[in-house]
Amino acid sequence: MEGEYVKMEKVHKFEEFVDRRLKPDLVNAMAERDKVLEQQKIFSDLKRNIQMLESNGLTRLRTMVNLGSEVYVQADVPDTHHIFVDIGLGFYAEFTWSEALQFISTKEKALSRQAEDYTRQIANIKAQIKLVCEGIRELLNIPADVHGSGSKH
């Protein structure tokens, strides 16, 4: 009887570890990766817009700018050859089109590495969760999935 209590106490600790540590870590890693992927999209859009400006030879631009809360104003850009790019931490740098494209290329590589790192981190956390669940299964003497994949067919 006491052995059963010890076993259930271990199961409870493993479940608590998964719920209080691994799952929140997984959610955080996925949220951080989503932020990186969103940044990648923003820089990809900026790159495409700069290339469109270059290919069409646009030196003036009239556009609508969102001031916040979906309030828009018309903006007239008399010279599009220099643009301001968010370089991080609330700082902006003025670039020519070619300088901006070089910066974007470097930034895209760094963001790609970050996304890959988060993807690996997510895979590691999922593997840890699976390992702990397997340990719980063994403690409770529950037979392993006959398909070995954990999925139902």
C-alpha atoms as a PDB file:
ATOM      1  CA  MET A   1       0.000   0.000   0.000  1.00  0.00           C
ATOM      2  CA  GLU A   2       2.807   2.422   0.862  1.00  0.00           C
ATOM      3  CA  GLY A   3       4.544   1.581  -2.427  1.00  0.00           C
ATOM      4  CA  GLU A   4       1.394   2.568  -4.293  1.00  0.00           C
ATOM      5  CA  TYR A   5       1.326   5.903  -2.441  1.00  0.00           C
ATOM      6  CA  VAL A   6       4.966   6.581  -3.363  1.00  0.00           C
ATOM      7  CA  LYS A   7       4.227   5.709  -6.986  1.00  0.00           C
ATOM      8  CA  MET A   8       1.220   8.062  -7.110  1.00  0.00           C
ATOM      9  CA  GLU A   9       3.280  10.811  -5.465  1.00  0.00           C
ATOM     10  CA  LYS A  10       5.911  10.448  -8.208  1.00  0.00           C
ATOM     11  CA  VAL A  11       3.212  10.543 -10.887  1.00  0.00           C
ATOM     12  CA  HIS A  12       1.798  13.705  -9.316  1.00  0.00           C
ATOM     13  CA  LYS A  13       5.247  15.366  -9.280  1.00  0.00           C
ATOM     14  CA  PHE A  14       5.848  14.446 -12.942  1.00  0.00           C
ATOM     15  CA  GLU A  15       2.430  15.790 -13.943  1.00  0.00           C
ATOM     16  CA  GLU A  16       3.069  18.970 -11.988  1.00  0.00           C
ATOM     17  CA  PHE A  17       6.452  19.392 -13.698  1.00  0.00           C
ATOM     18  CA  VAL A  18       4.814  19.070 -17.112  1.00  0.00           C
ATOM     19  CA  ASP A  19       1.959  21.450 -16.240  1.00  0.00           C
ATOM     20  CA  ARG A  20       3.921  24.091 -14.336  1.00  0.00           C
ATOM     21  CA  ARG A  21       7.237  24.089 -16.165  1.00  0.00           C
ATOM     22  CA  LEU A  22       7.278  22.380 -19.548  1.00  0.00           C
ATOM     23  CA  LYS A  23       3.914  23.524 -20.924  1.00  0.00           C
ATOM     24  CA  PRO A  24       4.472  27.218 -20.034  1.00  0.00           C
ATOM     25  CA  ASP A  25       7.979  26.984 -21.528  1.00  0.00           C
ATOM     26  CA  LEU A  26       6.454  25.524 -24.691  1.00  0.00           C
ATOM     27  CA  VAL A  27       3.833  28.284 -24.913  1.00  0.00           C
ATOM     28  CA  ASN A  28       6.512  30.968 -24.394  1.00  0.00           C
ATOM     29  CA  ALA A  29       8.855  29.482 -27.002  1.00  0.00           C
ATOM     30  CA  MET A  30       6.010  29.268 -29.521  1.00  0.00           C
ATOM     31  CA  ALA A  31       4.997  32.889 -28.828  1.00  0.00           C
ATOM     32  CA  GLU A  32       8.593  34.083 -29.266  1.00  0.00           C
ATOM     33  CA  ARG A  33       8.918  32.144 -32.527  1.00  0.00           C
ATOM     34  CA  ASP A  34       5.654  33.723 -33.734  1.00  0.00           C
ATOM     35  CA  LYS A  35       7.093  37.181 -32.994  1.00  0.00           C
ATOM     36  CA  VAL A  36      10.202  36.348 -35.030  1.00  0.00           C
ATOM     37  CA  LEU A  37       8.073  35.032 -37.905  1.00  0.00           C
ATOM     38  CA  GLU A  38       6.022  38.248 -37.827  1.00  0.00           C
ATOM     39  CA  GLN A  39       9.239  40.298 -38.013  1.00  0.00           C
ATOM     40  CA  GLN A  40      10.340  38.179 -40.975  1.00  0.00           C
ATOM     41  CA  LYS A  41       7.072  38.990 -42.742  1.00  0.00           C
ATOM     42  CA  ILE A  42       7.461  42.723 -42.043  1.00  0.00           C
ATOM     43  CA  PHE A  43      11.004  42.807 -43.450  1.00  0.00           C
ATOM     44  CA  SER A  44       9.963  40.689 -46.436  1.00  0.00           C
ATOM     45  CA  ASP A  45       7.133  43.158 -47.174  1.00  0.00           C
ATOM     46  CA  LEU A  46       9.526  46.095 -46.831  1.00  0.00           C
ATOM     47  CA  LYS A  47      12.003  44.443 -49.199  1.00  0.00           C
ATOM     48  CA  ARG A  48       9.242  43.836 -51.757  1.00  0.00           C
ATOM     49  CA  ASN A  49       8.057  47.465 -51.457  1.00  0.00           C
ATOM     50  CA  ILE A  50      11.578  48.843 -51.947  1.00  0.00           C
ATOM     51  CA  GLN A  51      12.081  46.605 -54.972  1.00  0.00           C
ATOM     52  CA  MET A  52       8.748  47.828 -56.364  1.00  0.00           C
ATOM     53  CA  LEU A  53       9.818  51.453 -55.869  1.00  0.00           C
ATOM     54  CA  GLU A  54      13.127  50.734 -57.641  1.00  0.00           C
ATOM     55  CA  SER A  55      11.625  48.807 -60.539  1.00  0.00           C
ATOM     56  CA  ASN A  56       8.933  51.445 -61.161  1.00  0.00           C
ATOM     57  CA  GLY A  57      11.354  54.341 -60.647  1.00  0.00           C
ATOM     58  CA  LEU A  58       9.018  56.046 -58.185  1.00  0.00           C
ATOM     59  CA  THR A  59      10.611  59.136 -56.669  1.00  0.00           C
ATOM     60  CA  ARG A  60       7.369  60.564 -55.185  1.00  0.00           C
ATOM     61  CA  LEU A  61       4.736  58.682 -53.272  1.00  0.00           C
ATOM     62  CA  ARG A  62       1.283  59.457 -51.967  1.00  0.00           C
ATOM     63  CA  THR A  63      -0.059  56.997 -49.397  1.00  0.00           C
ATOM     64  CA  MET A  64      -2.344  56.567 -46.403  1.00  0.00           C
ATOM     65  CA  VAL A  65      -0.686  56.273 -42.980  1.00  0.00           C
ATOM     66  CA  ASN A  66      -2.337  54.679 -39.942  1.00  0.00           C
ATOM     67  CA  LEU A  67      -1.915  57.023 -36.968  1.00  0.00           C
ATOM     68  CA  GLY A  68      -3.370  54.435 -34.606  1.00  0.00           C
ATOM     69  CA  SER A  69      -6.843  53.213 -33.709  1.00  0.00           C
ATOM     70  CA  GLU A  70      -7.504  52.862 -37.433  1.00  0.00           C
ATOM     71  CA  VAL A  71      -7.253  56.641 -37.994  1.00  0.00           C
ATOM     72  CA  TYR A  72      -5.623  57.300 -41.368  1.00  0.00           C
ATOM     73  CA  VAL A  73      -4.186  60.429 -42.946  1.00  0.00           C
ATOM     74  CA  GLN A  74      -2.906  61.033 -46.423  1.00  0.00           C
ATOM     75  CA  ALA A  75       0.858  61.406 -46.631  1.00  0.00           C
ATOM     76  CA  ASP A  76       2.895  62.841 -49.458  1.00  0.00           C
ATOM     77  CA  VAL A  77       6.498  61.620 -49.723  1.00  0.00           C
ATOM     78  CA  PRO A  78       8.377  64.035 -52.017  1.00  0.00           C
ATOM     79  CA  ASP A  79      11.595  61.953 -52.172  1.00  0.00           C
ATOM     80  CA  THR A  80      11.494  58.193 -51.734  1.00  0.00           C
ATOM     81  CA  HIS A  81      15.234  57.636 -52.252  1.00  0.00           C
ATOM     82  CA  HIS A  82      15.839  57.696 -48.477  1.00  0.00           C
ATOM     83  CA  ILE A  83      13.738  55.679 -46.054  1.00  0.00           C
ATOM     84  CA  PHE A  84      13.735  55.151 -42.309  1.00  0.00           C
ATOM     85  CA  VAL A  85      13.950  51.551 -41.126  1.00  0.00           C
ATOM     86  CA  ASP A  86      13.253  50.257 -37.623  1.00  0.00           C
ATOM     87  CA  ILE A  87      16.588  48.715 -36.624  1.00  0.00           C
ATOM     88  CA  GLY A  88      15.355  47.602 -33.202  1.00  0.00           C
ATOM     89  CA  LEU A  89      14.995  48.862 -29.645  1.00  0.00           C
ATOM     90  CA  GLY A  90      12.942  51.815 -30.883  1.00  0.00           C
ATOM     91  CA  PHE A  91      15.722  53.195 -33.098  1.00  0.00           C
ATOM     92  CA  TYR A  92      15.348  54.072 -36.764  1.00  0.00           C
ATOM     93  CA  ALA A  93      18.091  54.547 -39.316  1.00  0.00           C
ATOM     94  CA  GLU A  94      17.915  56.472 -42.565  1.00  0.00           C
ATOM     95  CA  PHE A  95      18.943  54.336 -45.523  1.00  0.00           C
ATOM     96  CA  THR A  96      19.104  54.610 -49.260  1.00  0.00           C
ATOM     97  CA  TRP A  97      17.238  51.836 -51.087  1.00  0.00           C
ATOM     98  CA  SER A  98      20.400  49.771 -51.604  1.00  0.00           C
ATOM     99  CA  GLU A  99      21.530  50.254 -47.994  1.00  0.00           C
ATOM    100  CA  ALA A 100      18.078  49.232 -46.768  1.00  0.00           C
ATOM    101  CA  LEU A 101      18.124  46.101 -48.938  1.00  0.00           C
ATOM    102  CA  GLN A 102      21.550  45.147 -47.538  1.00  0.00           C
ATOM    103  CA  PHE A 103      20.318  45.693 -43.972  1.00  0.00           C
ATOM    104  CA  ILE A 104      17.151  43.693 -44.657  1.00  0.00           C
ATOM    105  CA  SER A 105      19.200  40.815 -46.094  1.00  0.00           C
ATOM    106  CA  THR A 106      21.352  40.695 -42.953  1.00  0.00           C
ATOM    107  CA  LYS A 107      18.306  41.030 -40.697  1.00  0.00           C
ATOM    108  CA  GLU A 108      16.453  38.247 -42.555  1.00  0.00           C
ATOM    109  CA  LYS A 109      19.386  35.874 -42.012  1.00  0.00           C
ATOM    110  CA  ALA A 110      19.486  36.674 -38.290  1.00  0.00           C
ATOM    111  CA  LEU A 111      15.714  36.262 -37.966  1.00  0.00           C
ATOM    112  CA  SER A 112      15.882  32.960 -39.829  1.00  0.00           C
ATOM    113  CA  ARG A 113      18.488  31.689 -37.344  1.00  0.00           C
ATOM    114  CA  GLN A 114      16.331  32.856 -34.437  1.00  0.00           C
ATOM    115  CA  ALA A 115      13.262  31.085 -35.859  1.00  0.00           C
ATOM    116  CA  GLU A 116      15.304  27.887 -36.302  1.00  0.00           C
ATOM    117  CA  ASP A 117      16.578  28.151 -32.710  1.00  0.00           C
ATOM    118  CA  TYR A 118      13.045  28.540 -31.374  1.00  0.00           C
ATOM    119  CA  THR A 119      11.865  25.636 -33.535  1.00  0.00           C
ATOM    120  CA  ARG A 120      14.607  23.439 -32.050  1.00  0.00           C
ATOM    121  CA  GLN A 121      13.727  24.641 -28.556  1.00  0.00           C
ATOM    122  CA  ILE A 122      10.061  23.790 -29.171  1.00  0.00           C
ATOM    123  CA  ALA A 123      11.002  20.322 -30.430  1.00  0.00           C
ATOM    124  CA  ASN A 124      13.185  19.736 -27.344  1.00  0.00           C
ATOM    125  CA  ILE A 125      10.404  20.773 -24.972  1.00  0.00           C
ATOM    126  CA  LYS A 126       7.924  18.522 -26.781  1.00  0.00           C
ATOM    127  CA  ALA A 127      10.414  15.650 -26.515  1.00  0.00           C
ATOM    128  CA  GLN A 128      10.799  16.314 -22.772  1.00  0.00           C
ATOM    129  CA  ILE A 129       7.016  16.289 -22.336  1.00  0.00           C
ATOM    130  CA  LYS A 130       6.799  13.012 -24.243  1.00  0.00           C
ATOM    131  CA  LEU A 131       9.599  11.525 -22.128  1.00  0.00           C
ATOM    132  CA  VAL A 132       7.916  12.510 -18.857  1.00  0.00           C
ATOM    133  CA  CYS A 133       4.572  11.150 -20.099  1.00  0.00           C
ATOM    134  CA  GLU A 134       6.325   7.898 -21.002  1.00  0.00           C
ATOM    135  CA  GLY A 135       7.768   7.774 -17.471  1.00  0.00           C
ATOM    136  CA  ILE A 136       4.287   8.264 -16.029  1.00  0.00           C
ATOM    137  CA  ARG A 137       2.949   5.524 -18.287  1.00  0.00           C
ATOM    138  CA  GLU A 138       5.625   3.119 -17.066  1.00  0.00           C
ATOM    139  CA  LEU A 139       5.009   4.024 -13.408  1.00  0.00           C
ATOM    140  CA  LEU A 140       1.309   3.277 -13.847  1.00  0.00           C
ATOM    141  CA  ASN A 141       2.027   0.076 -15.824  1.00  0.00           C
ATOM    142  CA  ILE A 142      -0.070   1.253 -18.754  1.00  0.00           C
ATOM    143  CA  PRO A 143       0.763  -0.673 -21.932  1.00  0.00           C
ATOM    144  CA  ALA A 144       2.577   1.235 -24.671  1.00  0.00           C
ATOM    145  CA  ASP A 145       0.660   2.294 -27.769  1.00  0.00           C
ATOM    146  CA  VAL A 146       0.725  -0.665 -30.163  1.00  0.00           C
ATOM    147  CA  HIS A 147       1.254   1.678 -33.135  1.00  0.00           C
ATOM    148  CA  GLY A 148       4.114   3.477 -31.389  1.00  0.00           C
ATOM    149  CA  SER A 149       2.990   6.849 -32.661  1.00  0.00           C
ATOM    150  CA  GLY A 150       0.547   7.957 -30.019  1.00  0.00           C
ATOM    151  CA  SER A 151      -2.051   8.688 -32.708  1.00  0.00           C
ATOM    152  CA  LYS A 152      -5.338   6.959 -33.315  1.00  0.00           C
ATOM    153  CA  HIS A 153      -6.103   5.486 -36.711  1.00  0.00           C
END
